[in-house]
Amino acid sequence: MFRHVVMFKFVYTVTAEQKLAVLEGLSRLPNEIGQIRSFSFGEDARVVDGNYDVVVVADFDSSDDYLVYASHPGHREFVSTCVLPFLASRAAVQYAASE
């Protein structure tokens, strides 16, 4: 299994509606991209200051499947329209995960 974890921190001017659009966009990706094996995401619980705002954990059968996801038009459109306009910083890691 190959895992992709990404975290977004938004600019301070992001609105609740814009955050909701990110979450709604994330919820559509598994239906659009067949290579996704499992997919979870969520907003930070705000228990500790300074955390990122949203995290995504996506699993794939292989790194090749991840690369299909990363370059998929639906994913690229989501990133360019829903994430990048409000992004202050991003952190990501991909790794071979045990099952």
PDB file of N, CA and C in Angstrom:
ATOM      1  N   MET A   1       0.857  -1.178   0.000  1.00  0.00           N
ATOM      2  CA  MET A   1       0.000   0.000   0.000  1.00  0.00           C
ATOM      3  C   MET A   1       0.896   1.231   0.000  1.00  0.00           C
ATOM      4  N   PHE A   2       0.463   2.241  -0.694  1.00  0.00           N
ATOM      5  CA  PHE A   2       1.205   3.494  -0.803  1.00  0.00           C
ATOM      6  C   PHE A   2       0.326   4.609  -0.253  1.00  0.00           C
ATOM      7  N   ARG A   3       0.854   5.366   0.703  1.00  0.00           N
ATOM      8  CA  ARG A   3       0.053   6.392   1.398  1.00  0.00           C
ATOM      9  C   ARG A   3       0.555   7.796   1.066  1.00  0.00           C
ATOM     10  N   HIS A   4      -0.405   8.683   0.881  1.00  0.00           N
ATOM     11  CA  HIS A   4      -0.153  10.108   0.637  1.00  0.00           C
ATOM     12  C   HIS A   4      -0.837  10.879   1.766  1.00  0.00           C
ATOM     13  N   VAL A   5      -0.069  11.700   2.458  1.00  0.00           N
ATOM     14  CA  VAL A   5      -0.608  12.552   3.518  1.00  0.00           C
ATOM     15  C   VAL A   5      -0.259  13.992   3.164  1.00  0.00           C
ATOM     16  N   VAL A   6      -1.258  14.852   3.157  1.00  0.00           N
ATOM     17  CA  VAL A   6      -1.026  16.261   2.849  1.00  0.00           C
ATOM     18  C   VAL A   6      -1.798  17.123   3.844  1.00  0.00           C
ATOM     19  N   MET A   7      -1.177  18.228   4.229  1.00  0.00           N
ATOM     20  CA  MET A   7      -1.817  19.179   5.151  1.00  0.00           C
ATOM     21  C   MET A   7      -1.804  20.558   4.518  1.00  0.00           C
ATOM     22  N   PHE A   8      -2.912  21.276   4.695  1.00  0.00           N
ATOM     23  CA  PHE A   8      -3.052  22.635   4.183  1.00  0.00           C
ATOM     24  C   PHE A   8      -3.209  23.607   5.339  1.00  0.00           C
ATOM     25  N   LYS A   9      -2.526  24.740   5.217  1.00  0.00           N
ATOM     26  CA  LYS A   9      -2.773  25.873   6.104  1.00  0.00           C
ATOM     27  C   LYS A   9      -3.252  27.003   5.206  1.00  0.00           C
ATOM     28  N   PHE A  10      -4.394  27.564   5.556  1.00  0.00           N
ATOM     29  CA  PHE A  10      -4.996  28.594   4.724  1.00  0.00           C
ATOM     30  C   PHE A  10      -4.571  29.990   5.161  1.00  0.00           C
ATOM     31  N   VAL A  11      -4.696  30.928   4.228  1.00  0.00           N
ATOM     32  CA  VAL A  11      -4.455  32.327   4.557  1.00  0.00           C
ATOM     33  C   VAL A  11      -5.489  32.763   5.593  1.00  0.00           C
ATOM     34  N   TYR A  12      -5.151  33.758   6.392  1.00  0.00           N
ATOM     35  CA  TYR A  12      -6.041  34.164   7.485  1.00  0.00           C
ATOM     36  C   TYR A  12      -7.348  34.767   6.986  1.00  0.00           C
ATOM     37  N   THR A  13      -7.392  35.161   5.723  1.00  0.00           N
ATOM     38  CA  THR A  13      -8.603  35.779   5.179  1.00  0.00           C
ATOM     39  C   THR A  13      -9.591  34.760   4.606  1.00  0.00           C
ATOM     40  N   VAL A  14      -9.272  33.475   4.654  1.00  0.00           N
ATOM     41  CA  VAL A  14     -10.179  32.466   4.100  1.00  0.00           C
ATOM     42  C   VAL A  14     -11.500  32.492   4.863  1.00  0.00           C
ATOM     43  N   THR A  15     -12.575  32.353   4.121  1.00  0.00           N
ATOM     44  CA  THR A  15     -13.905  32.399   4.745  1.00  0.00           C
ATOM     45  C   THR A  15     -14.398  30.984   5.056  1.00  0.00           C
ATOM     46  N   ALA A  16     -15.432  30.907   5.856  1.00  0.00           N
ATOM     47  CA  ALA A  16     -16.040  29.616   6.171  1.00  0.00           C
ATOM     48  C   ALA A  16     -16.576  28.957   4.895  1.00  0.00           C
ATOM     49  N   GLU A  17     -17.125  29.748   3.985  1.00  0.00           N
ATOM     50  CA  GLU A  17     -17.645  29.215   2.730  1.00  0.00           C
ATOM     51  C   GLU A  17     -16.518  28.642   1.870  1.00  0.00           C
ATOM     52  N   GLN A  18     -15.379  29.291   1.854  1.00  0.00           N
ATOM     53  CA  GLN A  18     -14.239  28.808   1.082  1.00  0.00           C
ATOM     54  C   GLN A  18     -13.682  27.515   1.677  1.00  0.00           C
ATOM     55  N   LYS A  19     -13.639  27.426   2.996  1.00  0.00           N
ATOM     56  CA  LYS A  19     -13.214  26.181   3.645  1.00  0.00           C
ATOM     57  C   LYS A  19     -14.190  25.055   3.329  1.00  0.00           C
ATOM     58  N   LEU A  20     -15.472  25.360   3.346  1.00  0.00           N
ATOM     59  CA  LEU A  20     -16.487  24.368   3.022  1.00  0.00           C
ATOM     60  C   LEU A  20     -16.314  23.865   1.585  1.00  0.00           C
ATOM     61  N   ALA A  21     -15.967  24.757   0.668  1.00  0.00           N
ATOM     62  CA  ALA A  21     -15.743  24.360  -0.725  1.00  0.00           C
ATOM     63  C   ALA A  21     -14.568  23.386  -0.827  1.00  0.00           C
ATOM     64  N   VAL A  22     -13.546  23.577  -0.008  1.00  0.00           N
ATOM     65  CA  VAL A  22     -12.414  22.652   0.014  1.00  0.00           C
ATOM     66  C   VAL A  22     -12.883  21.274   0.481  1.00  0.00           C
ATOM     67  N   LEU A  23     -13.628  21.239   1.564  1.00  0.00           N
ATOM     68  CA  LEU A  23     -14.105  19.963   2.101  1.00  0.00           C
ATOM     69  C   LEU A  23     -15.052  19.259   1.125  1.00  0.00           C
ATOM     70  N   GLU A  24     -15.926  20.019   0.486  1.00  0.00           N
ATOM     71  CA  GLU A  24     -16.832  19.431  -0.503  1.00  0.00           C
ATOM     72  C   GLU A  24     -16.059  18.891  -1.699  1.00  0.00           C
ATOM     73  N   GLY A  25     -15.040  19.626  -2.126  1.00  0.00           N
ATOM     74  CA  GLY A  25     -14.205  19.165  -3.226  1.00  0.00           C
ATOM     75  C   GLY A  25     -13.460  17.892  -2.880  1.00  0.00           C
ATOM     76  N   LEU A  26     -12.940  17.831  -1.666  1.00  0.00           N
ATOM     77  CA  LEU A  26     -12.260  16.614  -1.225  1.00  0.00           C
ATOM     78  C   LEU A  26     -13.207  15.425  -1.218  1.00  0.00           C
ATOM     79  N   SER A  27     -14.439  15.649  -0.806  1.00  0.00           N
ATOM     80  CA  SER A  27     -15.391  14.544  -0.720  1.00  0.00           C
ATOM     81  C   SER A  27     -15.717  13.956  -2.093  1.00  0.00           C
ATOM     82  N   ARG A  28     -15.533  14.730  -3.163  1.00  0.00           N
ATOM     83  CA  ARG A  28     -15.836  14.245  -4.513  1.00  0.00           C
ATOM     84  C   ARG A  28     -14.692  13.439  -5.132  1.00  0.00           C
ATOM     85  N   LEU A  29     -13.477  13.641  -4.689  1.00  0.00           N
ATOM     86  CA  LEU A  29     -12.324  13.017  -5.346  1.00  0.00           C
ATOM     87  C   LEU A  29     -12.384  11.489  -5.401  1.00  0.00           C
ATOM     88  N   PRO A  30     -12.759  10.791  -4.329  1.00  0.00           N
ATOM     89  CA  PRO A  30     -12.786   9.324  -4.425  1.00  0.00           C
ATOM     90  C   PRO A  30     -13.744   8.788  -5.486  1.00  0.00           C
ATOM     91  N   ASN A  31     -14.816   9.505  -5.761  1.00  0.00           N
ATOM     92  CA  ASN A  31     -15.763   9.070  -6.793  1.00  0.00           C
ATOM     93  C   ASN A  31     -15.243   9.354  -8.198  1.00  0.00           C
ATOM     94  N   GLU A  32     -14.344  10.313  -8.319  1.00  0.00           N
ATOM     95  CA  GLU A  32     -13.819  10.709  -9.625  1.00  0.00           C
ATOM     96  C   GLU A  32     -12.563   9.939 -10.017  1.00  0.00           C
ATOM     97  N   ILE A  33     -11.810   9.448  -9.042  1.00  0.00           N
ATOM     98  CA  ILE A  33     -10.493   8.875  -9.328  1.00  0.00           C
ATOM     99  C   ILE A  33     -10.457   7.447  -8.812  1.00  0.00           C
ATOM    100  N   GLY A  34     -10.540   6.517  -9.720  1.00  0.00           N
ATOM    101  CA  GLY A  34     -10.663   5.106  -9.371  1.00  0.00           C
ATOM    102  C   GLY A  34      -9.447   4.502  -8.701  1.00  0.00           C
ATOM    103  N   GLN A  35      -8.289   5.128  -8.810  1.00  0.00           N
ATOM    104  CA  GLN A  35      -7.079   4.583  -8.201  1.00  0.00           C
ATOM    105  C   GLN A  35      -7.042   4.759  -6.685  1.00  0.00           C
ATOM    106  N   ILE A  36      -7.920   5.570  -6.139  1.00  0.00           N
ATOM    107  CA  ILE A  36      -7.936   5.784  -4.695  1.00  0.00           C
ATOM    108  C   ILE A  36      -8.480   4.532  -4.014  1.00  0.00           C
ATOM    109  N   ARG A  37      -7.694   3.976  -3.104  1.00  0.00           N
ATOM    110  CA  ARG A  37      -8.095   2.770  -2.354  1.00  0.00           C
ATOM    111  C   ARG A  37      -8.894   3.160  -1.113  1.00  0.00           C
ATOM    112  N   SER A  38      -8.398   4.129  -0.377  1.00  0.00           N
ATOM    113  CA  SER A  38      -9.137   4.694   0.753  1.00  0.00           C
ATOM    114  C   SER A  38      -8.765   6.160   0.865  1.00  0.00           C
ATOM    115  N   PHE A  39      -9.672   6.943   1.455  1.00  0.00           N
ATOM    116  CA  PHE A  39      -9.509   8.391   1.452  1.00  0.00           C
ATOM    117  C   PHE A  39     -10.192   8.954   2.680  1.00  0.00           C
ATOM    118  N   SER A  40      -9.459   9.687   3.485  1.00  0.00           N
ATOM    119  CA  SER A  40     -10.066  10.377   4.623  1.00  0.00           C
ATOM    120  C   SER A  40      -9.472  11.768   4.728  1.00  0.00           C
ATOM    121  N   PHE A  41     -10.240  12.662   5.295  1.00  0.00           N
ATOM    122  CA  PHE A  41      -9.795  14.049   5.443  1.00  0.00           C
ATOM    123  C   PHE A  41     -10.571  14.685   6.582  1.00  0.00           C
ATOM    124  N   GLY A  42     -10.065  15.784   7.080  1.00  0.00           N
ATOM    125  CA  GLY A  42     -10.786  16.496   8.119  1.00  0.00           C
ATOM    126  C   GLY A  42     -10.132  17.810   8.469  1.00  0.00           C
ATOM    127  N   GLU A  43     -10.920  18.642   9.135  1.00  0.00           N
ATOM    128  CA  GLU A  43     -10.414  19.917   9.643  1.00  0.00           C
ATOM    129  C   GLU A  43      -9.755  19.697  10.995  1.00  0.00           C
ATOM    130  N   ASP A  44      -8.777  20.521  11.292  1.00  0.00           N
ATOM    131  CA  ASP A  44      -8.127  20.457  12.585  1.00  0.00           C
ATOM    132  C   ASP A  44      -9.143  20.726  13.691  1.00  0.00           C
ATOM    133  N   ALA A  45      -9.002  20.028  14.791  1.00  0.00           N
ATOM    134  CA  ALA A  45      -9.936  20.147  15.917  1.00  0.00           C
ATOM    135  C   ALA A  45      -9.696  21.397  16.752  1.00  0.00           C
ATOM    136  N   ARG A  46      -8.646  22.123  16.477  1.00  0.00           N
ATOM    137  CA  ARG A  46      -8.322  23.376  17.188  1.00  0.00           C
ATOM    138  C   ARG A  46      -8.067  23.151  18.678  1.00  0.00           C
ATOM    139  N   VAL A  47      -7.485  22.024  18.999  1.00  0.00           N
ATOM    140  CA  VAL A  47      -7.120  21.743  20.387  1.00  0.00           C
ATOM    141  C   VAL A  47      -5.792  22.414  20.722  1.00  0.00           C
ATOM    142  N   VAL A  48      -4.909  22.506  19.722  1.00  0.00           N
ATOM    143  CA  VAL A  48      -3.580  23.091  19.893  1.00  0.00           C
ATOM    144  C   VAL A  48      -3.403  24.194  18.855  1.00  0.00           C
ATOM    145  N   ASP A  49      -2.903  25.342  19.264  1.00  0.00           N
ATOM    146  CA  ASP A  49      -2.650  26.443  18.336  1.00  0.00           C
ATOM    147  C   ASP A  49      -1.507  26.103  17.388  1.00  0.00           C
ATOM    148  N   GLY A  50      -1.584  26.648  16.184  1.00  0.00           N
ATOM    149  CA  GLY A  50      -0.487  26.535  15.237  1.00  0.00           C
ATOM    150  C   GLY A  50      -0.560  25.355  14.288  1.00  0.00           C
ATOM    151  N   ASN A  51      -1.562  24.497  14.437  1.00  0.00           N
ATOM    152  CA  ASN A  51      -1.681  23.347  13.543  1.00  0.00           C
ATOM    153  C   ASN A  51      -2.125  23.778  12.149  1.00  0.00           C
ATOM    154  N   TYR A  52      -1.968  22.862  11.213  1.00  0.00           N
ATOM    155  CA  TYR A  52      -2.515  23.074   9.882  1.00  0.00           C
ATOM    156  C   TYR A  52      -4.042  23.012   9.972  1.00  0.00           C
ATOM    157  N   ASP A  53      -4.708  23.480   8.914  1.00  0.00           N
ATOM    158  CA  ASP A  53      -6.166  23.571   8.933  1.00  0.00           C
ATOM    159  C   ASP A  53      -6.876  22.295   8.490  1.00  0.00           C
ATOM    160  N   VAL A  54      -6.319  21.605   7.486  1.00  0.00           N
ATOM    161  CA  VAL A  54      -6.957  20.418   6.909  1.00  0.00           C
ATOM    162  C   VAL A  54      -5.892  19.368   6.649  1.00  0.00           C
ATOM    163  N   VAL A  55      -6.255  18.117   6.859  1.00  0.00           N
ATOM    164  CA  VAL A  55      -5.371  16.996   6.529  1.00  0.00           C
ATOM    165  C   VAL A  55      -6.119  16.037   5.610  1.00  0.00           C
ATOM    166  N   VAL A  56      -5.349  15.431   4.688  1.00  0.00           N
ATOM    167  CA  VAL A  56      -5.875  14.400   3.790  1.00  0.00           C
ATOM    168  C   VAL A  56      -4.962  13.190   3.898  1.00  0.00           C
ATOM    169  N   VAL A  57      -5.556  12.013   4.039  1.00  0.00           N
ATOM    170  CA  VAL A  57      -4.812  10.757   4.021  1.00  0.00           C
ATOM    171  C   VAL A  57      -5.433   9.894   2.932  1.00  0.00           C
ATOM    172  N   ALA A  58      -4.633   9.594   1.908  1.00  0.00           N
ATOM    173  CA  ALA A  58      -5.132   8.810   0.777  1.00  0.00           C
ATOM    174  C   ALA A  58      -4.239   7.601   0.569  1.00  0.00           C
ATOM    175  N   ASP A  59      -4.845   6.442   0.386  1.00  0.00           N
ATOM    176  CA  ASP A  59      -4.109   5.203   0.161  1.00  0.00           C
ATOM    177  C   ASP A  59      -4.337   4.711  -1.258  1.00  0.00           C
ATOM    178  N   PHE A  60      -3.278   4.126  -1.815  1.00  0.00           N
ATOM    179  CA  PHE A  60      -3.273   3.612  -3.175  1.00  0.00           C
ATOM    180  C   PHE A  60      -2.613   2.246  -3.165  1.00  0.00           C
ATOM    181  N   ASP A  61      -2.855   1.467  -4.183  1.00  0.00           N
ATOM    182  CA  ASP A  61      -2.215   0.158  -4.281  1.00  0.00           C
ATOM    183  C   ASP A  61      -0.727   0.286  -4.602  1.00  0.00           C
ATOM    184  N   SER A  62      -0.338   1.382  -5.261  1.00  0.00           N
ATOM    185  CA  SER A  62       1.054   1.529  -5.683  1.00  0.00           C
ATOM    186  C   SER A  62       1.401   3.003  -5.859  1.00  0.00           C
ATOM    187  N   SER A  63       2.691   3.277  -5.970  1.00  0.00           N
ATOM    188  CA  SER A  63       3.122   4.649  -6.246  1.00  0.00           C
ATOM    189  C   SER A  63       2.641   5.091  -7.621  1.00  0.00           C
ATOM    190  N   ASP A  64       2.542   4.154  -8.564  1.00  0.00           N
ATOM    191  CA  ASP A  64       2.015   4.488  -9.890  1.00  0.00           C
ATOM    192  C   ASP A  64       0.572   4.970  -9.796  1.00  0.00           C
ATOM    193  N   ASP A  65      -0.235   4.311  -8.969  1.00  0.00           N
ATOM    194  CA  ASP A  65      -1.621   4.749  -8.779  1.00  0.00           C
ATOM    195  C   ASP A  65      -1.666   6.134  -8.149  1.00  0.00           C
ATOM    196  N   TYR A  66      -0.764   6.408  -7.229  1.00  0.00           N
ATOM    197  CA  TYR A  66      -0.689   7.753  -6.643  1.00  0.00           C
ATOM    198  C   TYR A  66      -0.390   8.786  -7.727  1.00  0.00           C
ATOM    199  N   LEU A  67       0.546   8.465  -8.610  1.00  0.00           N
ATOM    200  CA  LEU A  67       0.911   9.406  -9.670  1.00  0.00           C
ATOM    201  C   LEU A  67      -0.250   9.668 -10.622  1.00  0.00           C
ATOM    202  N   VAL A  68      -1.078   8.648 -10.877  1.00  0.00           N
ATOM    203  CA  VAL A  68      -2.294   8.854 -11.679  1.00  0.00           C
ATOM    204  C   VAL A  68      -3.210   9.839 -10.965  1.00  0.00           C
ATOM    205  N   TYR A  69      -3.411   9.640  -9.665  1.00  0.00           N
ATOM    206  CA  TYR A  69      -4.226  10.544  -8.854  1.00  0.00           C
ATOM    207  C   TYR A  69      -3.677  11.966  -8.898  1.00  0.00           C
ATOM    208  N   ALA A  70      -2.367  12.095  -8.677  1.00  0.00           N
ATOM    209  CA  ALA A  70      -1.752  13.419  -8.594  1.00  0.00           C
ATOM    210  C   ALA A  70      -1.908  14.204  -9.891  1.00  0.00           C
ATOM    211  N   SER A  71      -1.905  13.514 -11.020  1.00  0.00           N
ATOM    212  CA  SER A  71      -2.006  14.202 -12.306  1.00  0.00           C
ATOM    213  C   SER A  71      -3.412  14.146 -12.907  1.00  0.00           C
ATOM    214  N   HIS A  72      -4.345  13.531 -12.207  1.00  0.00           N
ATOM    215  CA  HIS A  72      -5.717  13.402 -12.712  1.00  0.00           C
ATOM    216  C   HIS A  72      -6.345  14.790 -12.898  1.00  0.00           C
ATOM    217  N   PRO A  73      -7.029  15.020 -14.019  1.00  0.00           N
ATOM    218  CA  PRO A  73      -7.641  16.333 -14.252  1.00  0.00           C
ATOM    219  C   PRO A  73      -8.590  16.781 -13.138  1.00  0.00           C
ATOM    220  N   GLY A  74      -9.362  15.857 -12.560  1.00  0.00           N
ATOM    221  CA  GLY A  74     -10.256  16.231 -11.465  1.00  0.00           C
ATOM    222  C   GLY A  74      -9.501  16.711 -10.238  1.00  0.00           C
ATOM    223  N   HIS A  75      -8.387  16.057  -9.928  1.00  0.00           N
ATOM    224  CA  HIS A  75      -7.552  16.465  -8.801  1.00  0.00           C
ATOM    225  C   HIS A  75      -6.893  17.805  -9.097  1.00  0.00           C
ATOM    226  N   ARG A  76      -6.346  17.955 -10.295  1.00  0.00           N
ATOM    227  CA  ARG A  76      -5.657  19.207 -10.659  1.00  0.00           C
ATOM    228  C   ARG A  76      -6.629  20.386 -10.621  1.00  0.00           C
ATOM    229  N   GLU A  77      -7.851  20.182 -11.129  1.00  0.00           N
ATOM    230  CA  GLU A  77      -8.838  21.261 -11.106  1.00  0.00           C
ATOM    231  C   GLU A  77      -9.219  21.620  -9.673  1.00  0.00           C
ATOM    232  N   PHE A  78      -9.429  20.607  -8.833  1.00  0.00           N
ATOM    233  CA  PHE A  78      -9.746  20.867  -7.431  1.00  0.00           C
ATOM    234  C   PHE A  78      -8.644  21.690  -6.771  1.00  0.00           C
ATOM    235  N   VAL A  79      -7.412  21.288  -6.948  1.00  0.00           N
ATOM    236  CA  VAL A  79      -6.286  22.000  -6.329  1.00  0.00           C
ATOM    237  C   VAL A  79      -6.219  23.438  -6.836  1.00  0.00           C
ATOM    238  N   SER A  80      -6.326  23.614  -8.146  1.00  0.00           N
ATOM    239  CA  SER A  80      -6.154  24.965  -8.703  1.00  0.00           C
ATOM    240  C   SER A  80      -7.297  25.904  -8.346  1.00  0.00           C
ATOM    241  N   THR A  81      -8.514  25.381  -8.209  1.00  0.00           N
ATOM    242  CA  THR A  81      -9.653  26.270  -7.945  1.00  0.00           C
ATOM    243  C   THR A  81     -10.033  26.372  -6.472  1.00  0.00           C
ATOM    244  N   CYS A  82      -9.860  25.300  -5.712  1.00  0.00           N
ATOM    245  CA  CYS A  82     -10.341  25.288  -4.327  1.00  0.00           C
ATOM    246  C   CYS A  82      -9.250  25.438  -3.285  1.00  0.00           C
ATOM    247  N   VAL A  83      -8.028  25.065  -3.623  1.00  0.00           N
ATOM    248  CA  VAL A  83      -6.962  25.071  -2.619  1.00  0.00           C
ATOM    249  C   VAL A  83      -5.979  26.223  -2.837  1.00  0.00           C
ATOM    250  N   LEU A  84      -5.369  26.270  -4.003  1.00  0.00           N
ATOM    251  CA  LEU A  84      -4.296  27.249  -4.230  1.00  0.00           C
ATOM    252  C   LEU A  84      -4.686  28.700  -3.963  1.00  0.00           C
ATOM    253  N   PRO A  85      -5.905  29.138  -4.301  1.00  0.00           N
ATOM    254  CA  PRO A  85      -6.237  30.540  -4.038  1.00  0.00           C
ATOM    255  C   PRO A  85      -6.215  30.922  -2.551  1.00  0.00           C
ATOM    256  N   PHE A  86      -6.306  29.947  -1.656  1.00  0.00           N
ATOM    257  CA  PHE A  86      -6.401  30.227  -0.223  1.00  0.00           C
ATOM    258  C   PHE A  86      -5.246  29.641   0.577  1.00  0.00           C
ATOM    259  N   LEU A  87      -4.256  29.100  -0.109  1.00  0.00           N
ATOM    260  CA  LEU A  87      -3.193  28.352   0.543  1.00  0.00           C
ATOM    261  C   LEU A  87      -2.085  29.260   1.058  1.00  0.00           C
ATOM    262  N   ALA A  88      -1.789  29.131   2.355  1.00  0.00           N
ATOM    263  CA  ALA A  88      -0.635  29.815   2.939  1.00  0.00           C
ATOM    264  C   ALA A  88       0.569  28.880   2.934  1.00  0.00           C
ATOM    265  N   SER A  89       0.349  27.600   3.264  1.00  0.00           N
ATOM    266  CA  SER A  89       1.435  26.618   3.218  1.00  0.00           C
ATOM    267  C   SER A  89       0.859  25.220   3.092  1.00  0.00           C
ATOM    268  N   ARG A  90       1.729  24.317   2.639  1.00  0.00           N
ATOM    269  CA  ARG A  90       1.349  22.931   2.407  1.00  0.00           C
ATOM    270  C   ARG A  90       2.506  22.050   2.846  1.00  0.00           C
ATOM    271  N   ALA A  91       2.186  20.925   3.423  1.00  0.00           N
ATOM    272  CA  ALA A  91       3.186  19.906   3.770  1.00  0.00           C
ATOM    273  C   ALA A  91       2.651  18.563   3.303  1.00  0.00           C
ATOM    274  N   ALA A  92       3.522  17.728   2.745  1.00  0.00           N
ATOM    275  CA  ALA A  92       3.072  16.432   2.251  1.00  0.00           C
ATOM    276  C   ALA A  92       4.177  15.398   2.402  1.00  0.00           C
ATOM    277  N   VAL A  93       3.739  14.154   2.458  1.00  0.00           N
ATOM    278  CA  VAL A  93       4.655  13.018   2.465  1.00  0.00           C
ATOM    279  C   VAL A  93       3.947  11.851   1.801  1.00  0.00           C
ATOM    280  N   GLN A  94       4.727  11.062   1.073  1.00  0.00           N
ATOM    281  CA  GLN A  94       4.224   9.824   0.494  1.00  0.00           C
ATOM    282  C   GLN A  94       5.168   8.726   0.988  1.00  0.00           C
ATOM    283  N   TYR A  95       4.604   7.562   1.311  1.00  0.00           N
ATOM    284  CA  TYR A  95       5.442   6.467   1.814  1.00  0.00           C
ATOM    285  C   TYR A  95       4.754   5.125   1.623  1.00  0.00           C
ATOM    286  N   ALA A  96       5.581   4.079   1.609  1.00  0.00           N
ATOM    287  CA  ALA A  96       5.051   2.724   1.562  1.00  0.00           C
ATOM    288  C   ALA A  96       4.541   2.389   2.962  1.00  0.00           C
ATOM    289  N   ALA A  97       3.253   2.113   3.064  1.00  0.00           N
ATOM    290  CA  ALA A  97       2.616   1.899   4.370  1.00  0.00           C
ATOM    291  C   ALA A  97       2.330   0.417   4.557  1.00  0.00           C
ATOM    292  N   SER A  98       2.447  -0.038   5.793  1.00  0.00           N
ATOM    293  CA  SER A  98       2.058  -1.414   6.089  1.00  0.00           C
ATOM    294  C   SER A  98       0.539  -1.477   6.194  1.00  0.00           C
ATOM    295  N   GLU A  99      -0.001  -2.628   5.926  1.00  0.00           N
ATOM    296  CA  GLU A  99      -1.467  -2.753   5.932  1.00  0.00           C
ATOM    297  C   GLU A  99      -1.992  -3.156   7.274  1.00  0.00           C
TER     298      GLU A  99
END
